[in-house]
């Protein structure tokens, strides 16, 4: 089984990062996918959840321009991305 690379990008004190972090933990607990999770704090679109380099919410390679994101990934999007990249 492949290990999936998961990154959670956020700016310091992002008010939405806890919501995405908690949802990611719940999704990982529901699947058998092996994942390595890294949190990166800096000048990023925040919060952004990447699975193997792809933005879960948009399905694209993310921009690295800092901004506040309101298009948070859903449980369905996270589970689908984990399964697809576990291959």
PDB file of N, CA and C in Angstrom:
ATOM      1  N   UNK A   1       0.846  -1.188   0.000  1.00  0.00           N
ATOM      2  CA  UNK A   1       0.000   0.000   0.000  1.00  0.00           C
ATOM      3  C   UNK A   1       0.885   1.242   0.000  1.00  0.00           C
ATOM      4  N   UNK A   2       0.533   2.206  -0.817  1.00  0.00           N
ATOM      5  CA  UNK A   2       1.264   3.466  -0.879  1.00  0.00           C
ATOM      6  C   UNK A   2       0.916   4.342   0.312  1.00  0.00           C
ATOM      7  N   UNK A   3       1.875   5.139   0.732  1.00  0.00           N
ATOM      8  CA  UNK A   3       1.610   6.133   1.764  1.00  0.00           C
ATOM      9  C   UNK A   3       1.239   7.436   1.085  1.00  0.00           C
ATOM     10  N   UNK A   4       0.138   8.011   1.493  1.00  0.00           N
ATOM     11  CA  UNK A   4      -0.369   9.254   0.923  1.00  0.00           C
ATOM     12  C   UNK A   4       0.259  10.424   1.675  1.00  0.00           C
ATOM     13  N   UNK A   5       0.749  11.420   0.928  1.00  0.00           N
ATOM     14  CA  UNK A   5       1.323  12.617   1.523  1.00  0.00           C
ATOM     15  C   UNK A   5       0.221  13.663   1.692  1.00  0.00           C
ATOM     16  N   UNK A   6      -0.018  14.062   2.932  1.00  0.00           N
ATOM     17  CA  UNK A   6      -1.053  15.053   3.243  1.00  0.00           C
ATOM     18  C   UNK A   6      -0.373  16.275   3.847  1.00  0.00           C
ATOM     19  N   UNK A   7      -0.716  17.446   3.315  1.00  0.00           N
ATOM     20  CA  UNK A   7      -0.197  18.693   3.860  1.00  0.00           C
ATOM     21  C   UNK A   7      -1.360  19.612   4.183  1.00  0.00           C
ATOM     22  N   UNK A   8      -1.279  20.230   5.340  1.00  0.00           N
ATOM     23  CA  UNK A   8      -2.250  21.241   5.738  1.00  0.00           C
ATOM     24  C   UNK A   8      -1.503  22.562   5.824  1.00  0.00           C
ATOM     25  N   UNK A   9      -1.783  23.446   4.859  1.00  0.00           N
ATOM     26  CA  UNK A   9      -1.144  24.752   4.815  1.00  0.00           C
ATOM     27  C   UNK A   9      -2.030  25.751   5.555  1.00  0.00           C
ATOM     28  N   UNK A  10      -1.385  26.646   6.318  1.00  0.00           N
ATOM     29  CA  UNK A  10      -2.160  27.707   6.958  1.00  0.00           C
ATOM     30  C   UNK A  10      -1.259  28.845   7.398  1.00  0.00           C
ATOM     31  N   UNK A  11      -1.867  30.003   7.534  1.00  0.00           N
ATOM     32  CA  UNK A  11      -1.161  31.160   8.079  1.00  0.00           C
ATOM     33  C   UNK A  11      -1.275  31.097   9.603  1.00  0.00           C
ATOM     34  N   UNK A  12      -0.396  31.792  10.320  1.00  0.00           N
ATOM     35  CA  UNK A  12      -0.508  31.825  11.774  1.00  0.00           C
ATOM     36  C   UNK A  12      -1.878  32.363  12.199  1.00  0.00           C
ATOM     37  N   UNK A  13      -2.441  31.731  13.209  1.00  0.00           N
ATOM     38  CA  UNK A  13      -3.721  32.162  13.800  1.00  0.00           C
ATOM     39  C   UNK A  13      -4.908  32.093  12.849  1.00  0.00           C
ATOM     40  N   UNK A  14      -4.848  31.227  11.867  1.00  0.00           N
ATOM     41  CA  UNK A  14      -5.976  31.057  10.949  1.00  0.00           C
ATOM     42  C   UNK A  14      -7.191  30.568  11.746  1.00  0.00           C
ATOM     43  N   UNK A  15      -8.321  31.247  11.657  1.00  0.00           N
ATOM     44  CA  UNK A  15      -9.489  30.848  12.442  1.00  0.00           C
ATOM     45  C   UNK A  15     -10.187  29.583  11.925  1.00  0.00           C
ATOM     46  N   UNK A  16      -9.825  29.114  10.725  1.00  0.00           N
ATOM     47  CA  UNK A  16     -10.507  27.956  10.147  1.00  0.00           C
ATOM     48  C   UNK A  16      -9.663  26.686  10.143  1.00  0.00           C
ATOM     49  N   UNK A  17      -8.390  26.784  10.506  1.00  0.00           N
ATOM     50  CA  UNK A  17      -7.520  25.616  10.409  1.00  0.00           C
ATOM     51  C   UNK A  17      -7.944  24.485  11.341  1.00  0.00           C
ATOM     52  N   UNK A  18      -8.449  24.808  12.523  1.00  0.00           N
ATOM     53  CA  UNK A  18      -8.885  23.750  13.443  1.00  0.00           C
ATOM     54  C   UNK A  18     -10.028  22.935  12.859  1.00  0.00           C
ATOM     55  N   UNK A  19     -10.920  23.579  12.150  1.00  0.00           N
ATOM     56  CA  UNK A  19     -12.046  22.888  11.530  1.00  0.00           C
ATOM     57  C   UNK A  19     -11.551  21.868  10.495  1.00  0.00           C
ATOM     58  N   UNK A  20     -10.600  22.274   9.662  1.00  0.00           N
ATOM     59  CA  UNK A  20     -10.057  21.376   8.640  1.00  0.00           C
ATOM     60  C   UNK A  20      -9.225  20.273   9.290  1.00  0.00           C
ATOM     61  N   UNK A  21      -8.427  20.623  10.296  1.00  0.00           N
ATOM     62  CA  UNK A  21      -7.602  19.647  11.007  1.00  0.00           C
ATOM     63  C   UNK A  21      -8.477  18.553  11.633  1.00  0.00           C
ATOM     64  N   UNK A  22      -9.547  18.959  12.298  1.00  0.00           N
ATOM     65  CA  UNK A  22     -10.451  17.990  12.936  1.00  0.00           C
ATOM     66  C   UNK A  22     -11.148  17.102  11.906  1.00  0.00           C
ATOM     67  N   UNK A  23     -11.592  17.694  10.814  1.00  0.00           N
ATOM     68  CA  UNK A  23     -12.248  16.920   9.763  1.00  0.00           C
ATOM     69  C   UNK A  23     -11.268  15.920   9.151  1.00  0.00           C
ATOM     70  N   UNK A  24     -10.037  16.335   8.929  1.00  0.00           N
ATOM     71  CA  UNK A  24      -9.012  15.431   8.397  1.00  0.00           C
ATOM     72  C   UNK A  24      -8.787  14.258   9.352  1.00  0.00           C
ATOM     73  N   UNK A  25      -8.677  14.522  10.632  1.00  0.00           N
ATOM     74  CA  UNK A  25      -8.488  13.446  11.617  1.00  0.00           C
ATOM     75  C   UNK A  25      -9.649  12.452  11.578  1.00  0.00           C
ATOM     76  N   UNK A  26     -10.860  12.963  11.504  1.00  0.00           N
ATOM     77  CA  UNK A  26     -12.034  12.069  11.443  1.00  0.00           C
ATOM     78  C   UNK A  26     -12.007  11.236  10.170  1.00  0.00           C
ATOM     79  N   UNK A  27     -11.640  11.836   9.051  1.00  0.00           N
ATOM     80  CA  UNK A  27     -11.581  11.098   7.787  1.00  0.00           C
ATOM     81  C   UNK A  27     -10.494  10.027   7.824  1.00  0.00           C
ATOM     82  N   UNK A  28      -9.341  10.357   8.360  1.00  0.00           N
ATOM     83  CA  UNK A  28      -8.265   9.378   8.452  1.00  0.00           C
ATOM     84  C   UNK A  28      -8.653   8.208   9.351  1.00  0.00           C
ATOM     85  N   UNK A  29      -9.430   8.474  10.380  1.00  0.00           N
ATOM     86  CA  UNK A  29      -9.886   7.418  11.290  1.00  0.00           C
ATOM     87  C   UNK A  29     -10.889   6.489  10.610  1.00  0.00           C
ATOM     88  N   UNK A  30     -11.555   6.967   9.577  1.00  0.00           N
ATOM     89  CA  UNK A  30     -12.576   6.173   8.874  1.00  0.00           C
ATOM     90  C   UNK A  30     -12.016   5.347   7.731  1.00  0.00           C
ATOM     91  N   UNK A  31     -10.745   5.509   7.418  1.00  0.00           N
ATOM     92  CA  UNK A  31     -10.162   4.815   6.276  1.00  0.00           C
ATOM     93  C   UNK A  31      -8.947   4.005   6.701  1.00  0.00           C
ATOM     94  N   UNK A  32      -8.548   3.085   5.865  1.00  0.00           N
ATOM     95  CA  UNK A  32      -7.346   2.292   6.137  1.00  0.00           C
ATOM     96  C   UNK A  32      -6.146   2.822   5.366  1.00  0.00           C
ATOM     97  N   UNK A  33      -6.290   3.965   4.746  1.00  0.00           N
ATOM     98  CA  UNK A  33      -5.220   4.575   3.956  1.00  0.00           C
ATOM     99  C   UNK A  33      -4.080   4.988   4.884  1.00  0.00           C
ATOM    100  N   UNK A  34      -2.864   4.620   4.500  1.00  0.00           N
ATOM    101  CA  UNK A  34      -1.678   5.061   5.231  1.00  0.00           C
ATOM    102  C   UNK A  34      -1.332   6.474   4.774  1.00  0.00           C
ATOM    103  N   UNK A  35      -1.243   7.390   5.714  1.00  0.00           N
ATOM    104  CA  UNK A  35      -0.981   8.787   5.363  1.00  0.00           C
ATOM    105  C   UNK A  35       0.061   9.389   6.291  1.00  0.00           C
ATOM    106  N   UNK A  36       0.887  10.236   5.698  1.00  0.00           N
ATOM    107  CA  UNK A  36       1.823  11.051   6.455  1.00  0.00           C
ATOM    108  C   UNK A  36       1.297  12.476   6.383  1.00  0.00           C
ATOM    109  N   UNK A  37       1.039  13.079   7.543  1.00  0.00           N
ATOM    110  CA  UNK A  37       0.447  14.414   7.590  1.00  0.00           C
ATOM    111  C   UNK A  37       1.485  15.416   8.085  1.00  0.00           C
ATOM    112  N   UNK A  38       1.625  16.504   7.334  1.00  0.00           N
ATOM    113  CA  UNK A  38       2.524  17.590   7.702  1.00  0.00           C
ATOM    114  C   UNK A  38       1.728  18.880   7.715  1.00  0.00           C
ATOM    115  N   UNK A  39       1.908  19.663   8.762  1.00  0.00           N
ATOM    116  CA  UNK A  39       1.316  20.998   8.809  1.00  0.00           C
ATOM    117  C   UNK A  39       2.400  22.011   8.505  1.00  0.00           C
ATOM    118  N   UNK A  40       2.100  22.903   7.584  1.00  0.00           N
ATOM    119  CA  UNK A  40       3.045  23.943   7.193  1.00  0.00           C
ATOM    120  C   UNK A  40       2.417  25.300   7.462  1.00  0.00           C
ATOM    121  N   UNK A  41       3.087  26.080   8.276  1.00  0.00           N
ATOM    122  CA  UNK A  41       2.595  27.403   8.617  1.00  0.00           C
ATOM    123  C   UNK A  41       3.458  28.437   7.911  1.00  0.00           C
ATOM    124  N   UNK A  42       2.814  29.336   7.203  1.00  0.00           N
ATOM    125  CA  UNK A  42       3.549  30.372   6.481  1.00  0.00           C
ATOM    126  C   UNK A  42       2.613  31.197   5.633  1.00  0.00           C
ATOM    127  N   UNK A  43       3.135  31.764   4.566  1.00  0.00           N
ATOM    128  CA  UNK A  43       2.355  32.612   3.660  1.00  0.00           C
ATOM    129  C   UNK A  43       1.684  31.745   2.602  1.00  0.00           C
ATOM    130  N   UNK A  44       0.579  31.114   2.985  1.00  0.00           N
ATOM    131  CA  UNK A  44      -0.162  30.203   2.119  1.00  0.00           C
ATOM    132  C   UNK A  44      -1.621  30.641   2.017  1.00  0.00           C
ATOM    133  N   UNK A  45      -2.333  30.144   1.006  1.00  0.00           N
ATOM    134  CA  UNK A  45      -3.781  30.260   1.040  1.00  0.00           C
ATOM    135  C   UNK A  45      -4.237  29.434   2.243  1.00  0.00           C
ATOM    136  N   UNK A  46      -5.015  30.001   3.122  1.00  0.00           N
ATOM    137  CA  UNK A  46      -5.236  29.358   4.414  1.00  0.00           C
ATOM    138  C   UNK A  46      -6.707  29.226   4.771  1.00  0.00           C
ATOM    139  N   UNK A  47      -7.111  28.018   5.171  1.00  0.00           N
ATOM    140  CA  UNK A  47      -6.356  26.773   5.177  1.00  0.00           C
ATOM    141  C   UNK A  47      -6.486  26.055   3.833  1.00  0.00           C
ATOM    142  N   UNK A  48      -5.432  25.359   3.448  1.00  0.00           N
ATOM    143  CA  UNK A  48      -5.435  24.539   2.233  1.00  0.00           C
ATOM    144  C   UNK A  48      -5.024  23.128   2.611  1.00  0.00           C
ATOM    145  N   UNK A  49      -5.801  22.148   2.170  1.00  0.00           N
ATOM    146  CA  UNK A  49      -5.489  20.745   2.413  1.00  0.00           C
ATOM    147  C   UNK A  49      -5.052  20.116   1.093  1.00  0.00           C
ATOM    148  N   UNK A  50      -3.818  19.604   1.070  1.00  0.00           N
ATOM    149  CA  UNK A  50      -3.268  18.971  -0.120  1.00  0.00           C
ATOM    150  C   UNK A  50      -3.111  17.480   0.128  1.00  0.00           C
ATOM    151  N   UNK A  51      -3.471  16.695  -0.854  1.00  0.00           N
ATOM    152  CA  UNK A  51      -3.208  15.260  -0.814  1.00  0.00           C
ATOM    153  C   UNK A  51      -2.398  14.949  -2.070  1.00  0.00           C
ATOM    154  N   UNK A  52      -1.175  14.489  -1.831  1.00  0.00           N
ATOM    155  CA  UNK A  52      -0.207  14.256  -2.907  1.00  0.00           C
ATOM    156  C   UNK A  52      -0.099  15.459  -3.835  1.00  0.00           C
ATOM    157  N   UNK A  53      -0.048  16.662  -3.229  1.00  0.00           N
ATOM    158  CA  UNK A  53       0.182  17.894  -3.974  1.00  0.00           C
ATOM    159  C   UNK A  53      -1.023  18.513  -4.641  1.00  0.00           C
ATOM    160  N   UNK A  54      -2.187  17.900  -4.485  1.00  0.00           N
ATOM    161  CA  UNK A  54      -3.405  18.413  -5.118  1.00  0.00           C
ATOM    162  C   UNK A  54      -4.338  18.993  -4.050  1.00  0.00           C
ATOM    163  N   UNK A  55      -4.837  20.188  -4.306  1.00  0.00           N
ATOM    164  CA  UNK A  55      -5.778  20.853  -3.410  1.00  0.00           C
ATOM    165  C   UNK A  55      -7.083  20.059  -3.392  1.00  0.00           C
ATOM    166  N   UNK A  56      -7.466  19.580  -2.220  1.00  0.00           N
ATOM    167  CA  UNK A  56      -8.649  18.729  -2.098  1.00  0.00           C
ATOM    168  C   UNK A  56      -9.925  19.477  -2.491  1.00  0.00           C
ATOM    169  N   UNK A  57     -10.015  20.746  -2.148  1.00  0.00           N
ATOM    170  CA  UNK A  57     -11.234  21.509  -2.413  1.00  0.00           C
ATOM    171  C   UNK A  57     -11.422  21.837  -3.887  1.00  0.00           C
ATOM    172  N   UNK A  58     -10.317  21.995  -4.631  1.00  0.00           N
ATOM    173  CA  UNK A  58     -10.441  22.408  -6.033  1.00  0.00           C
ATOM    174  C   UNK A  58     -10.005  21.348  -7.036  1.00  0.00           C
ATOM    175  N   UNK A  59      -9.207  20.378  -6.586  1.00  0.00           N
ATOM    176  CA  UNK A  59      -8.708  19.350  -7.492  1.00  0.00           C
ATOM    177  C   UNK A  59      -7.578  19.833  -8.383  1.00  0.00           C
ATOM    178  N   UNK A  60      -6.974  20.957  -8.032  1.00  0.00           N
ATOM    179  CA  UNK A  60      -5.903  21.532  -8.841  1.00  0.00           C
ATOM    180  C   UNK A  60      -4.640  21.711  -8.001  1.00  0.00           C
ATOM    181  N   UNK A  61      -3.566  22.050  -8.689  1.00  0.00           N
ATOM    182  CA  UNK A  61      -2.338  22.419  -7.987  1.00  0.00           C
ATOM    183  C   UNK A  61      -2.557  23.810  -7.413  1.00  0.00           C
ATOM    184  N   UNK A  62      -2.278  24.003  -6.138  1.00  0.00           N
ATOM    185  CA  UNK A  62      -2.617  25.280  -5.500  1.00  0.00           C
ATOM    186  C   UNK A  62      -1.663  26.406  -5.846  1.00  0.00           C
ATOM    187  N   UNK A  63      -2.157  27.593  -5.693  1.00  0.00           N
ATOM    188  CA  UNK A  63      -1.332  28.785  -5.749  1.00  0.00           C
ATOM    189  C   UNK A  63      -0.698  28.958  -4.380  1.00  0.00           C
ATOM    190  N   UNK A  64       0.423  29.625  -4.307  1.00  0.00           N
ATOM    191  CA  UNK A  64       1.026  29.844  -3.005  1.00  0.00           C
ATOM    192  C   UNK A  64       0.898  31.292  -2.561  1.00  0.00           C
ATOM    193  N   UNK A  65      -0.074  31.999  -3.102  1.00  0.00           N
ATOM    194  CA  UNK A  65      -0.308  33.368  -2.668  1.00  0.00           C
ATOM    195  C   UNK A  65      -1.127  33.352  -1.388  1.00  0.00           C
ATOM    196  N   UNK A  66      -0.700  34.088  -0.358  1.00  0.00           N
ATOM    197  CA  UNK A  66      -1.455  34.081   0.895  1.00  0.00           C
ATOM    198  C   UNK A  66      -2.831  34.719   0.712  1.00  0.00           C
ATOM    199  N   UNK A  67      -3.826  34.061   1.260  1.00  0.00           N
ATOM    200  CA  UNK A  67      -5.186  34.587   1.248  1.00  0.00           C
ATOM    201  C   UNK A  67      -6.003  33.787   2.252  1.00  0.00           C
ATOM    202  N   UNK A  68      -7.151  34.291   2.595  1.00  0.00           N
ATOM    203  CA  UNK A  68      -8.072  33.586   3.486  1.00  0.00           C
ATOM    204  C   UNK A  68      -9.027  32.778   2.619  1.00  0.00           C
ATOM    205  N   UNK A  69      -9.120  31.484   2.892  1.00  0.00           N
ATOM    206  CA  UNK A  69      -9.991  30.614   2.090  1.00  0.00           C
ATOM    207  C   UNK A  69     -11.258  30.280   2.853  1.00  0.00           C
ATOM    208  N   UNK A  70     -12.345  30.351   2.150  1.00  0.00           N
ATOM    209  CA  UNK A  70     -13.630  29.972   2.720  1.00  0.00           C
ATOM    210  C   UNK A  70     -14.165  28.702   2.076  1.00  0.00           C
ATOM    211  N   UNK A  71     -13.520  28.240   1.005  1.00  0.00           N
ATOM    212  CA  UNK A  71     -13.946  27.024   0.315  1.00  0.00           C
ATOM    213  C   UNK A  71     -13.261  25.799   0.949  1.00  0.00           C
ATOM    214  N   UNK A  72     -13.673  25.490   2.151  1.00  0.00           N
ATOM    215  CA  UNK A  72     -13.055  24.392   2.905  1.00  0.00           C
ATOM    216  C   UNK A  72     -13.439  23.048   2.295  1.00  0.00           C
ATOM    217  N   UNK A  73     -12.516  22.084   2.376  1.00  0.00           N
ATOM    218  CA  UNK A  73     -12.833  20.757   1.840  1.00  0.00           C
ATOM    219  C   UNK A  73     -13.921  20.087   2.670  1.00  0.00           C
ATOM    220  N   UNK A  74     -14.714  19.267   2.009  1.00  0.00           N
ATOM    221  CA  UNK A  74     -15.772  18.522   2.688  1.00  0.00           C
ATOM    222  C   UNK A  74     -15.264  17.138   3.058  1.00  0.00           C
ATOM    223  N   UNK A  75     -15.998  16.463   3.911  1.00  0.00           N
ATOM    224  CA  UNK A  75     -15.655  15.095   4.283  1.00  0.00           C
ATOM    225  C   UNK A  75     -15.595  14.206   3.049  1.00  0.00           C
ATOM    226  N   UNK A  76     -16.559  14.338   2.182  1.00  0.00           N
ATOM    227  CA  UNK A  76     -16.605  13.540   0.961  1.00  0.00           C
ATOM    228  C   UNK A  76     -15.388  13.795   0.086  1.00  0.00           C
ATOM    229  N   UNK A  77     -14.998  15.052  -0.072  1.00  0.00           N
ATOM    230  CA  UNK A  77     -13.828  15.387  -0.882  1.00  0.00           C
ATOM    231  C   UNK A  77     -12.558  14.779  -0.294  1.00  0.00           C
ATOM    232  N   UNK A  78     -12.415  14.841   1.009  1.00  0.00           N
ATOM    233  CA  UNK A  78     -11.216  14.304   1.659  1.00  0.00           C
ATOM    234  C   UNK A  78     -11.156  12.790   1.507  1.00  0.00           C
ATOM    235  N   UNK A  79     -12.254  12.112   1.790  1.00  0.00           N
ATOM    236  CA  UNK A  79     -12.272  10.650   1.678  1.00  0.00           C
ATOM    237  C   UNK A  79     -12.023  10.196   0.242  1.00  0.00           C
ATOM    238  N   UNK A  80     -12.617  10.884  -0.712  1.00  0.00           N
ATOM    239  CA  UNK A  80     -12.410  10.549  -2.120  1.00  0.00           C
ATOM    240  C   UNK A  80     -10.942  10.732  -2.519  1.00  0.00           C
ATOM    241  N   UNK A  81     -10.350  11.842  -2.104  1.00  0.00           N
ATOM    242  CA  UNK A  81      -8.951  12.103  -2.430  1.00  0.00           C
ATOM    243  C   UNK A  81      -8.018  11.099  -1.770  1.00  0.00           C
ATOM    244  N   UNK A  82      -8.271  10.737  -0.528  1.00  0.00           N
ATOM    245  CA  UNK A  82      -7.445   9.736   0.149  1.00  0.00           C
ATOM    246  C   UNK A  82      -7.505   8.402  -0.585  1.00  0.00           C
ATOM    247  N   UNK A  83      -8.708   7.981  -0.914  1.00  0.00           N
ATOM    248  CA  UNK A  83      -8.875   6.702  -1.616  1.00  0.00           C
ATOM    249  C   UNK A  83      -8.221   6.722  -2.991  1.00  0.00           C
ATOM    250  N   UNK A  84      -8.383   7.822  -3.716  1.00  0.00           N
ATOM    251  CA  UNK A  84      -7.848   7.923  -5.075  1.00  0.00           C
ATOM    252  C   UNK A  84      -6.325   7.898  -5.097  1.00  0.00           C
ATOM    253  N   UNK A  85      -5.706   8.498  -4.097  1.00  0.00           N
ATOM    254  CA  UNK A  85      -4.255   8.587  -4.078  1.00  0.00           C
ATOM    255  C   UNK A  85      -3.600   7.422  -3.355  1.00  0.00           C
ATOM    256  N   UNK A  86      -4.386   6.580  -2.724  1.00  0.00           N
ATOM    257  CA  UNK A  86      -3.821   5.429  -2.007  1.00  0.00           C
ATOM    258  C   UNK A  86      -3.414   4.336  -2.973  1.00  0.00           C
ATOM    259  N   UNK A  87      -4.083   4.272  -4.133  1.00  0.00           N
ATOM    260  CA  UNK A  87      -3.874   3.348  -5.221  1.00  0.00           C
ATOM    261  C   UNK A  87      -2.860   2.331  -5.027  1.00  0.00           C
TER     262      UNK A  87
END
